[in-house]
Structures are given as C-alpha cells and as structure tokens.
C-alpha cells in the first residue's frame, strides 16, 4: 500500500473500472487514501473483486452498475456517490469501448454505441460530477495514444471518440480553472488489457515500435492518474499526457 495517503479524505469516481486499466486506477487511488466508487456494466463479479481487493488493503470502495452509454444510468450513479459520500473530488472518465472496421463498413448503430460510451458518457459524468465538486477538484479523461499515432487501420471511429476528449478538455480548462478544478487527459499507449492484450493479434506489429520494449500495464497508467489527482498537480491543467513507452515519440 502507498503510505503517503495524498488523497486522504477525497472521494473519487472511476468509470468502467471492473477490470484492466480502470481497476488499476481505482486500486491506486484507494491506496493513496481516496474513497473510491467504481462503475461497471457487464462484469459484477469482477467489480466486486476490485472492491474486495481495495477493502483487503484497508481502503474504502463501492461498485455501482451503470452502463456508460446510458445518460440516465450515469446520472443515477453519480447521484448515488454524492448521496453516499456527500461530495465528489475526483472523476476519472475511463469507461470506453472499441469498434474496429473499414470506415465505409462500420455499422451506424455501432458508431452510435461507441459515441455514447466514449463521448456522451464522459460528458454526462462530468456534468453531473461538477454539481458536487468544489475547489481543488480533478477531472481526468482516459484517451488513447492512437489520437497521436494511428498505428494501424480500422480504428477511425475509436480515434474520433478519443480525440474528442482532448478538445473537450481544453474547453473545460477555461470554464473550470476559475473554480480551482483541473482537467487533463491521460493517453495510454499499447497497454496489456482485455481490449489490447500483450499477446493479442496486433502485438507482433505494435511492440517493435514501443521504445522501452514492452507493453504497458494498468499500473503505469494508474501512476499518471494518481499524480494528476494529487496535490502536486494543482498547476497542471489542459495536459495531454502520453503514457506509452515512447510509442508516439
């Protein structure tokens, strides 16, 4: 466990945190002292396992079922967290899905779904969290290094949605700076996850381009999020932070 407890007394929401990068972020924020609420959609057992791991390490966590692609579900989840803890200090918009395919062949309903989860979900979660967030608040979006370097084809819809988060962030910076709330984006590079396993179908193509010679792990991304969520990052806002092992260098 991290003994610094730099987030003691803070309340954090991490969306889509039942597995992979989201789970690592939730565990790290809890280890730093925050009470953490995670949302999930289709993996209740995995979500409860994340909560159990946090509690076993002495932390505080709850899991709320909420489809990130459903605005009302997101609103209800944020309201539950605010009612339970009385405030929200940190929001990590991590929930995301990928739709791959040739741009002329992607089904419109698939595009609507990825837009709903990756963009609308982040917008609604941010809007609702801000109703309960005060001075010193932190909003952190999880983007993708694909917005800087599209290493392979078929990912145009995905990169569109992740790129939107960077633009949204820059607008929010101007709105929220006077309120003492920072807004940043963390862009993971190739990271071992359910969506992009280190031994997956694109690994042989992607790995040679990673300067440090390995896929990232969730803890790499979580460390960046923990910094941005902490007191030492109070003057850092509007940042596109790439955590990609030099993949886009």
C-alpha atoms as a PDB file:
ATOM      1  CA  UNK A   1       0.000   0.000   0.000  1.00  0.00           C
ATOM      2  CA  UNK A   2       1.118   3.534  -0.707  1.00  0.00           C
ATOM      3  CA  UNK A   3       1.896   5.120   2.661  1.00  0.00           C
ATOM      4  CA  UNK A   4       1.758   8.766   1.526  1.00  0.00           C
ATOM      5  CA  UNK A   5      -2.072   8.892   1.572  1.00  0.00           C
ATOM      6  CA  UNK A   6      -2.013  12.058  -0.515  1.00  0.00           C
ATOM      7  CA  UNK A   7      -5.706  11.632  -1.295  1.00  0.00           C
ATOM      8  CA  UNK A   8      -6.893  11.072   2.262  1.00  0.00           C
ATOM      9  CA  UNK A   9     -10.420  12.413   2.666  1.00  0.00           C
ATOM     10  CA  UNK A  10     -11.046  12.621  -1.079  1.00  0.00           C
ATOM     11  CA  UNK A  11     -13.887  10.915  -2.944  1.00  0.00           C
ATOM     12  CA  UNK A  12     -13.199   9.521  -6.410  1.00  0.00           C
ATOM     13  CA  UNK A  13     -15.322   8.012  -9.166  1.00  0.00           C
ATOM     14  CA  UNK A  14     -13.681   5.778 -11.762  1.00  0.00           C
ATOM     15  CA  UNK A  15     -15.998   4.751 -14.577  1.00  0.00           C
ATOM     16  CA  UNK A  16     -15.658   1.359 -16.237  1.00  0.00           C
ATOM     17  CA  UNK A  17     -13.344   0.106 -13.501  1.00  0.00           C
ATOM     18  CA  UNK A  18     -14.185  -3.562 -13.106  1.00  0.00           C
ATOM     19  CA  UNK A  19     -11.067  -4.659 -14.999  1.00  0.00           C
ATOM     20  CA  UNK A  20      -7.828  -3.742 -16.744  1.00  0.00           C
ATOM     21  CA  UNK A  21      -6.748  -0.090 -16.649  1.00  0.00           C
ATOM     22  CA  UNK A  22      -9.821   1.092 -14.752  1.00  0.00           C
ATOM     23  CA  UNK A  23      -9.330  -1.448 -11.992  1.00  0.00           C
ATOM     24  CA  UNK A  24      -5.673  -0.461 -11.624  1.00  0.00           C
ATOM     25  CA  UNK A  25      -6.645   3.205 -11.366  1.00  0.00           C
ATOM     26  CA  UNK A  26      -9.296   2.506  -8.728  1.00  0.00           C
ATOM     27  CA  UNK A  27      -6.869   0.476  -6.625  1.00  0.00           C
ATOM     28  CA  UNK A  28      -4.157   3.129  -6.836  1.00  0.00           C
ATOM     29  CA  UNK A  29      -6.459   5.996  -5.848  1.00  0.00           C
ATOM     30  CA  UNK A  30      -7.719   3.939  -2.931  1.00  0.00           C
ATOM     31  CA  UNK A  31      -4.151   3.116  -1.885  1.00  0.00           C
ATOM     32  CA  UNK A  32      -3.475   6.859  -1.894  1.00  0.00           C
ATOM     33  CA  UNK A  33      -6.319   7.326   0.588  1.00  0.00           C
ATOM     34  CA  UNK A  34      -9.381   8.161  -1.505  1.00  0.00           C
ATOM     35  CA  UNK A  35     -12.782   6.584  -1.033  1.00  0.00           C
ATOM     36  CA  UNK A  36     -13.465   5.136  -4.465  1.00  0.00           C
ATOM     37  CA  UNK A  37     -16.690   4.412  -6.322  1.00  0.00           C
ATOM     38  CA  UNK A  38     -16.353   2.324  -9.441  1.00  0.00           C
ATOM     39  CA  UNK A  39     -18.931   1.826 -12.147  1.00  0.00           C
ATOM     40  CA  UNK A  40     -19.333  -1.241 -14.303  1.00  0.00           C
ATOM     41  CA  UNK A  41     -21.750  -2.550 -16.887  1.00  0.00           C
ATOM     42  CA  UNK A  42     -21.490  -6.287 -17.504  1.00  0.00           C
ATOM     43  CA  UNK A  43     -18.961  -7.699 -15.005  1.00  0.00           C
ATOM     44  CA  UNK A  44     -20.428  -7.664 -11.474  1.00  0.00           C
ATOM     45  CA  UNK A  45     -18.119 -10.383 -10.201  1.00  0.00           C
ATOM     46  CA  UNK A  46     -15.038  -8.538 -11.422  1.00  0.00           C
ATOM     47  CA  UNK A  47     -16.311  -5.267  -9.983  1.00  0.00           C
ATOM     48  CA  UNK A  48     -16.855  -6.836  -6.587  1.00  0.00           C
ATOM     49  CA  UNK A  49     -13.394  -8.382  -6.777  1.00  0.00           C
ATOM     50  CA  UNK A  50     -11.922  -4.889  -7.237  1.00  0.00           C
ATOM     51  CA  UNK A  51     -13.883  -3.641  -4.223  1.00  0.00           C
ATOM     52  CA  UNK A  52     -12.772  -6.644  -2.173  1.00  0.00           C
ATOM     53  CA  UNK A  53      -9.119  -6.079  -3.096  1.00  0.00           C
ATOM     54  CA  UNK A  54      -9.338  -2.423  -2.072  1.00  0.00           C
ATOM     55  CA  UNK A  55     -11.016  -3.262   1.217  1.00  0.00           C
ATOM     56  CA  UNK A  56      -8.500  -6.025   1.942  1.00  0.00           C
ATOM     57  CA  UNK A  57      -5.791  -3.394   1.578  1.00  0.00           C
ATOM     58  CA  UNK A  58      -7.508  -1.162   4.114  1.00  0.00           C
ATOM     59  CA  UNK A  59      -9.300   1.101   1.642  1.00  0.00           C
ATOM     60  CA  UNK A  60     -12.908   2.086   1.045  1.00  0.00           C
ATOM     61  CA  UNK A  61     -14.787   1.301  -2.175  1.00  0.00           C
ATOM     62  CA  UNK A  62     -18.218   0.675  -3.629  1.00  0.00           C
ATOM     63  CA  UNK A  63     -19.335  -0.654  -7.019  1.00  0.00           C
ATOM     64  CA  UNK A  64     -22.334   0.702  -8.933  1.00  0.00           C
ATOM     65  CA  UNK A  65     -23.809  -0.900 -12.011  1.00  0.00           C
ATOM     66  CA  UNK A  66     -24.136   1.779 -14.676  1.00  0.00           C
ATOM     67  CA  UNK A  67     -23.883   1.482 -18.443  1.00  0.00           C
ATOM     68  CA  UNK A  68     -21.635   4.371 -19.517  1.00  0.00           C
ATOM     69  CA  UNK A  69     -23.637   4.579 -22.727  1.00  0.00           C
ATOM     70  CA  UNK A  70     -26.861   5.357 -20.860  1.00  0.00           C
ATOM     71  CA  UNK A  71     -27.050   9.010 -19.774  1.00  0.00           C
ATOM     72  CA  UNK A  72     -29.661   8.271 -17.112  1.00  0.00           C
ATOM     73  CA  UNK A  73     -27.627   5.399 -15.671  1.00  0.00           C
ATOM     74  CA  UNK A  74     -24.598   7.675 -15.449  1.00  0.00           C
ATOM     75  CA  UNK A  75     -26.641  10.422 -13.774  1.00  0.00           C
ATOM     76  CA  UNK A  76     -28.035   7.965 -11.263  1.00  0.00           C
ATOM     77  CA  UNK A  77     -24.585   6.569 -10.464  1.00  0.00           C
ATOM     78  CA  UNK A  78     -23.090   9.992  -9.797  1.00  0.00           C
ATOM     79  CA  UNK A  79     -26.090  10.886  -7.634  1.00  0.00           C
ATOM     80  CA  UNK A  80     -25.572   7.708  -5.602  1.00  0.00           C
ATOM     81  CA  UNK A  81     -21.942   8.576  -4.967  1.00  0.00           C
ATOM     82  CA  UNK A  82     -22.792  12.125  -3.920  1.00  0.00           C
ATOM     83  CA  UNK A  83     -25.539  10.887  -1.597  1.00  0.00           C
ATOM     84  CA  UNK A  84     -23.231   8.295  -0.063  1.00  0.00           C
ATOM     85  CA  UNK A  85     -20.150  10.465   0.452  1.00  0.00           C
ATOM     86  CA  UNK A  86     -21.517  13.994   0.375  1.00  0.00           C
ATOM     87  CA  UNK A  87     -19.165  15.241  -2.354  1.00  0.00           C
ATOM     88  CA  UNK A  88     -17.048  14.263  -5.364  1.00  0.00           C
ATOM     89  CA  UNK A  89     -13.424  15.381  -5.584  1.00  0.00           C
ATOM     90  CA  UNK A  90     -12.037  13.290  -8.443  1.00  0.00           C
ATOM     91  CA  UNK A  91     -13.668  11.978 -11.614  1.00  0.00           C
ATOM     92  CA  UNK A  92     -11.810   9.581 -13.894  1.00  0.00           C
ATOM     93  CA  UNK A  93     -13.677   9.028 -17.141  1.00  0.00           C
ATOM     94  CA  UNK A  94     -12.165   5.665 -18.011  1.00  0.00           C
ATOM     95  CA  UNK A  95     -15.114   3.747 -19.478  1.00  0.00           C
ATOM     96  CA  UNK A  96     -14.557   3.049 -23.145  1.00  0.00           C
ATOM     97  CA  UNK A  97     -15.157   0.567 -25.919  1.00  0.00           C
ATOM     98  CA  UNK A  98     -13.631  -0.010 -29.326  1.00  0.00           C
ATOM     99  CA  UNK A  99     -15.296  -0.569 -32.676  1.00  0.00           C
ATOM    100  CA  UNK A 100     -12.988  -1.600 -35.487  1.00  0.00           C
ATOM    101  CA  UNK A 101     -13.663  -1.793 -39.193  1.00  0.00           C
ATOM    102  CA  UNK A 102     -13.151  -0.145 -42.544  1.00  0.00           C
ATOM    103  CA  UNK A 103     -14.672   3.343 -42.299  1.00  0.00           C
ATOM    104  CA  UNK A 104     -17.230   2.694 -45.034  1.00  0.00           C
ATOM    105  CA  UNK A 105     -18.311  -0.568 -43.402  1.00  0.00           C
ATOM    106  CA  UNK A 106     -18.781   0.397 -39.749  1.00  0.00           C
ATOM    107  CA  UNK A 107     -22.446  -0.048 -38.871  1.00  0.00           C
ATOM    108  CA  UNK A 108     -24.088   3.189 -37.825  1.00  0.00           C
ATOM    109  CA  UNK A 109     -25.542   1.587 -34.716  1.00  0.00           C
ATOM    110  CA  UNK A 110     -22.021   0.528 -33.695  1.00  0.00           C
ATOM    111  CA  UNK A 111     -20.835   4.096 -34.218  1.00  0.00           C
ATOM    112  CA  UNK A 112     -23.718   5.391 -32.109  1.00  0.00           C
ATOM    113  CA  UNK A 113     -22.772   2.980 -29.342  1.00  0.00           C
ATOM    114  CA  UNK A 114     -19.077   3.904 -29.249  1.00  0.00           C
ATOM    115  CA  UNK A 115     -20.016   7.584 -29.308  1.00  0.00           C
ATOM    116  CA  UNK A 116     -22.480   7.045 -26.466  1.00  0.00           C
ATOM    117  CA  UNK A 117     -19.927   5.289 -24.241  1.00  0.00           C
ATOM    118  CA  UNK A 118     -16.701   7.115 -25.073  1.00  0.00           C
ATOM    119  CA  UNK A 119     -18.001  10.666 -25.526  1.00  0.00           C
ATOM    120  CA  UNK A 120     -21.544  11.132 -24.230  1.00  0.00           C
ATOM    121  CA  UNK A 121     -20.793   9.067 -21.148  1.00  0.00           C
ATOM    122  CA  UNK A 122     -17.796  11.248 -20.314  1.00  0.00           C
ATOM    123  CA  UNK A 123     -19.812  14.418 -20.940  1.00  0.00           C
ATOM    124  CA  UNK A 124     -22.693  13.356 -18.694  1.00  0.00           C
ATOM    125  CA  UNK A 125     -20.437  12.056 -15.913  1.00  0.00           C
ATOM    126  CA  UNK A 126     -18.504  15.328 -15.964  1.00  0.00           C
ATOM    127  CA  UNK A 127     -21.636  17.453 -15.989  1.00  0.00           C
ATOM    128  CA  UNK A 128     -23.152  15.595 -13.062  1.00  0.00           C
ATOM    129  CA  UNK A 129     -19.941  15.332 -11.019  1.00  0.00           C
ATOM    130  CA  UNK A 130     -19.376  19.076 -11.305  1.00  0.00           C
ATOM    131  CA  UNK A 131     -22.581  19.661  -9.370  1.00  0.00           C
ATOM    132  CA  UNK A 132     -20.840  18.137  -6.353  1.00  0.00           C
ATOM    133  CA  UNK A 133     -17.218  19.199  -6.951  1.00  0.00           C
ATOM    134  CA  UNK A 134     -15.521  22.135  -5.285  1.00  0.00           C
ATOM    135  CA  UNK A 135     -12.174  23.888  -5.149  1.00  0.00           C
ATOM    136  CA  UNK A 136      -9.310  21.518  -5.843  1.00  0.00           C
ATOM    137  CA  UNK A 137     -11.411  19.103  -7.877  1.00  0.00           C
ATOM    138  CA  UNK A 138      -9.847  16.895 -10.520  1.00  0.00           C
ATOM    139  CA  UNK A 139     -11.261  15.596 -13.806  1.00  0.00           C
ATOM    140  CA  UNK A 140      -9.140  13.109 -15.713  1.00  0.00           C
ATOM    141  CA  UNK A 141     -10.160  11.586 -19.030  1.00  0.00           C
ATOM    142  CA  UNK A 142      -8.581   8.398 -20.356  1.00  0.00           C
ATOM    143  CA  UNK A 143      -7.859   8.878 -24.048  1.00  0.00           C
ATOM    144  CA  UNK A 144      -5.560   6.918 -26.340  1.00  0.00           C
ATOM    145  CA  UNK A 145      -2.164   7.327 -27.972  1.00  0.00           C
ATOM    146  CA  UNK A 146      -3.983   6.432 -31.194  1.00  0.00           C
ATOM    147  CA  UNK A 147      -5.042  10.076 -31.364  1.00  0.00           C
ATOM    148  CA  UNK A 148      -1.347  10.952 -31.853  1.00  0.00           C
ATOM    149  CA  UNK A 149      -0.250   7.977 -33.921  1.00  0.00           C
ATOM    150  CA  UNK A 150      -2.763   5.661 -35.570  1.00  0.00           C
ATOM    151  CA  UNK A 151      -0.517   2.621 -35.725  1.00  0.00           C
ATOM    152  CA  UNK A 152      -2.930   0.501 -37.753  1.00  0.00           C
ATOM    153  CA  UNK A 153      -6.081   0.816 -39.817  1.00  0.00           C
ATOM    154  CA  UNK A 154      -9.717   0.091 -38.941  1.00  0.00           C
ATOM    155  CA  UNK A 155      -9.691   2.298 -35.815  1.00  0.00           C
ATOM    156  CA  UNK A 156     -11.076   5.555 -37.240  1.00  0.00           C
ATOM    157  CA  UNK A 157     -14.272   5.570 -35.158  1.00  0.00           C
ATOM    158  CA  UNK A 158     -12.325   4.821 -31.989  1.00  0.00           C
ATOM    159  CA  UNK A 159      -9.764   7.554 -32.598  1.00  0.00           C
ATOM    160  CA  UNK A 160     -12.550  10.030 -33.377  1.00  0.00           C
ATOM    161  CA  UNK A 161     -14.126   9.485 -29.970  1.00  0.00           C
ATOM    162  CA  UNK A 162     -10.858   9.564 -28.042  1.00  0.00           C
ATOM    163  CA  UNK A 163      -9.723  12.676 -29.871  1.00  0.00           C
ATOM    164  CA  UNK A 164     -12.952  14.374 -28.838  1.00  0.00           C
ATOM    165  CA  UNK A 165     -11.883  14.086 -25.208  1.00  0.00           C
ATOM    166  CA  UNK A 166      -8.841  16.268 -25.848  1.00  0.00           C
ATOM    167  CA  UNK A 167     -10.954  19.018 -27.369  1.00  0.00           C
ATOM    168  CA  UNK A 168     -13.495  18.769 -24.564  1.00  0.00           C
ATOM    169  CA  UNK A 169     -10.692  19.054 -22.023  1.00  0.00           C
ATOM    170  CA  UNK A 170      -9.348  22.278 -23.465  1.00  0.00           C
ATOM    171  CA  UNK A 171     -12.780  23.853 -23.307  1.00  0.00           C
ATOM    172  CA  UNK A 172     -13.315  22.687 -19.732  1.00  0.00           C
ATOM    173  CA  UNK A 173      -9.972  24.116 -18.654  1.00  0.00           C
ATOM    174  CA  UNK A 174     -11.216  27.647 -19.349  1.00  0.00           C
ATOM    175  CA  UNK A 175     -14.570  27.034 -17.690  1.00  0.00           C
ATOM    176  CA  UNK A 176     -13.259  25.345 -14.566  1.00  0.00           C
ATOM    177  CA  UNK A 177      -9.903  26.979 -13.925  1.00  0.00           C
ATOM    178  CA  UNK A 178     -11.502  29.866 -12.016  1.00  0.00           C
ATOM    179  CA  UNK A 179     -13.157  27.258  -9.769  1.00  0.00           C
ATOM    180  CA  UNK A 180      -9.817  25.634  -8.955  1.00  0.00           C
ATOM    181  CA  UNK A 181     -10.695  22.448 -10.855  1.00  0.00           C
ATOM    182  CA  UNK A 182      -8.093  20.937 -13.168  1.00  0.00           C
ATOM    183  CA  UNK A 183      -8.879  18.870 -16.267  1.00  0.00           C
ATOM    184  CA  UNK A 184      -6.384  16.608 -18.030  1.00  0.00           C
ATOM    185  CA  UNK A 185      -6.236  13.660 -20.416  1.00  0.00           C
ATOM    186  CA  UNK A 186      -4.048  10.586 -19.998  1.00  0.00           C
ATOM    187  CA  UNK A 187      -3.374   8.811 -23.290  1.00  0.00           C
ATOM    188  CA  UNK A 188      -2.278   5.196 -22.731  1.00  0.00           C
ATOM    189  CA  UNK A 189      -0.165   3.596 -25.421  1.00  0.00           C
ATOM    190  CA  UNK A 190      -0.156  -0.162 -26.033  1.00  0.00           C
ATOM    191  CA  UNK A 191      -1.206  -1.439 -22.616  1.00  0.00           C
ATOM    192  CA  UNK A 192      -1.893  -5.030 -21.661  1.00  0.00           C
ATOM    193  CA  UNK A 193      -5.653  -5.139 -21.170  1.00  0.00           C
ATOM    194  CA  UNK A 194      -8.748  -7.069 -22.145  1.00  0.00           C
ATOM    195  CA  UNK A 195      -9.139  -4.738 -25.135  1.00  0.00           C
ATOM    196  CA  UNK A 196      -5.494  -4.977 -26.223  1.00  0.00           C
ATOM    197  CA  UNK A 197      -3.678  -7.973 -24.705  1.00  0.00           C
ATOM    198  CA  UNK A 198       0.104  -8.052 -24.858  1.00  0.00           C
ATOM    199  CA  UNK A 199      -0.151 -11.342 -26.750  1.00  0.00           C
ATOM    200  CA  UNK A 200      -3.063 -10.252 -28.942  1.00  0.00           C
ATOM    201  CA  UNK A 201      -3.366 -10.169 -32.739  1.00  0.00           C
ATOM    202  CA  UNK A 202      -1.633  -6.796 -33.199  1.00  0.00           C
ATOM    203  CA  UNK A 203       1.120  -7.287 -30.603  1.00  0.00           C
ATOM    204  CA  UNK A 204       3.758  -8.515 -33.056  1.00  0.00           C
ATOM    205  CA  UNK A 205       3.200  -5.440 -35.177  1.00  0.00           C
ATOM    206  CA  UNK A 206       2.945  -2.904 -32.367  1.00  0.00           C
ATOM    207  CA  UNK A 207       5.602  -3.990 -29.874  1.00  0.00           C
ATOM    208  CA  UNK A 208       8.658  -3.149 -32.021  1.00  0.00           C
ATOM    209  CA  UNK A 209       7.512   0.474 -32.047  1.00  0.00           C
ATOM    210  CA  UNK A 210       7.462   0.780 -28.258  1.00  0.00           C
ATOM    211  CA  UNK A 211      10.743   2.458 -27.312  1.00  0.00           C
ATOM    212  CA  UNK A 212      11.034   0.801 -23.896  1.00  0.00           C
ATOM    213  CA  UNK A 213      10.484  -2.626 -25.424  1.00  0.00           C
ATOM    214  CA  UNK A 214       7.390  -3.753 -23.542  1.00  0.00           C
ATOM    215  CA  UNK A 215       3.655  -3.282 -23.360  1.00  0.00           C
ATOM    216  CA  UNK A 216       2.436  -1.069 -20.564  1.00  0.00           C
ATOM    217  CA  UNK A 217       0.446  -2.361 -17.619  1.00  0.00           C
ATOM    218  CA  UNK A 218      -2.508  -0.807 -15.867  1.00  0.00           C
ATOM    219  CA  UNK A 219      -0.327   0.376 -13.016  1.00  0.00           C
ATOM    220  CA  UNK A 220       1.674   2.561 -15.424  1.00  0.00           C
ATOM    221  CA  UNK A 221      -1.464   4.477 -16.342  1.00  0.00           C
ATOM    222  CA  UNK A 222      -2.688   4.499 -12.748  1.00  0.00           C
ATOM    223  CA  UNK A 223       0.521   6.190 -11.609  1.00  0.00           C
ATOM    224  CA  UNK A 224      -0.048   9.046 -14.048  1.00  0.00           C
ATOM    225  CA  UNK A 225      -3.660   9.408 -12.940  1.00  0.00           C
ATOM    226  CA  UNK A 226      -2.615   9.424  -9.276  1.00  0.00           C
ATOM    227  CA  UNK A 227      -0.185  12.276  -9.949  1.00  0.00           C
ATOM    228  CA  UNK A 228      -2.811  14.345 -11.758  1.00  0.00           C
ATOM    229  CA  UNK A 229      -5.328  13.636  -8.992  1.00  0.00           C
ATOM    230  CA  UNK A 230      -2.939  14.685  -6.259  1.00  0.00           C
ATOM    231  CA  UNK A 231      -1.991  18.000  -4.660  1.00  0.00           C
ATOM    232  CA  UNK A 232       1.300  18.319  -6.542  1.00  0.00           C
ATOM    233  CA  UNK A 233      -0.596  18.691  -9.841  1.00  0.00           C
ATOM    234  CA  UNK A 234      -2.669  21.709  -8.808  1.00  0.00           C
ATOM    235  CA  UNK A 235      -0.981  23.839 -11.512  1.00  0.00           C
ATOM    236  CA  UNK A 236      -1.285  21.174 -14.229  1.00  0.00           C
ATOM    237  CA  UNK A 237      -4.386  21.514 -16.380  1.00  0.00           C
ATOM    238  CA  UNK A 238      -5.153  21.084 -20.062  1.00  0.00           C
ATOM    239  CA  UNK A 239      -2.428  18.443 -20.405  1.00  0.00           C
ATOM    240  CA  UNK A 240      -2.443  15.608 -22.928  1.00  0.00           C
ATOM    241  CA  UNK A 241      -0.187  13.180 -21.047  1.00  0.00           C
ATOM    242  CA  UNK A 242       1.021  10.244 -23.120  1.00  0.00           C
ATOM    243  CA  UNK A 243       1.859   7.118 -21.115  1.00  0.00           C
ATOM    244  CA  UNK A 244       3.048   4.994 -23.994  1.00  0.00           C
ATOM    245  CA  UNK A 245       6.639   3.872 -23.512  1.00  0.00           C
ATOM    246  CA  UNK A 246       7.768   6.186 -26.287  1.00  0.00           C
ATOM    247  CA  UNK A 247       5.380   4.681 -28.836  1.00  0.00           C
ATOM    248  CA  UNK A 248       4.447   8.101 -30.243  1.00  0.00           C
ATOM    249  CA  UNK A 249       7.849   9.761 -29.767  1.00  0.00           C
END
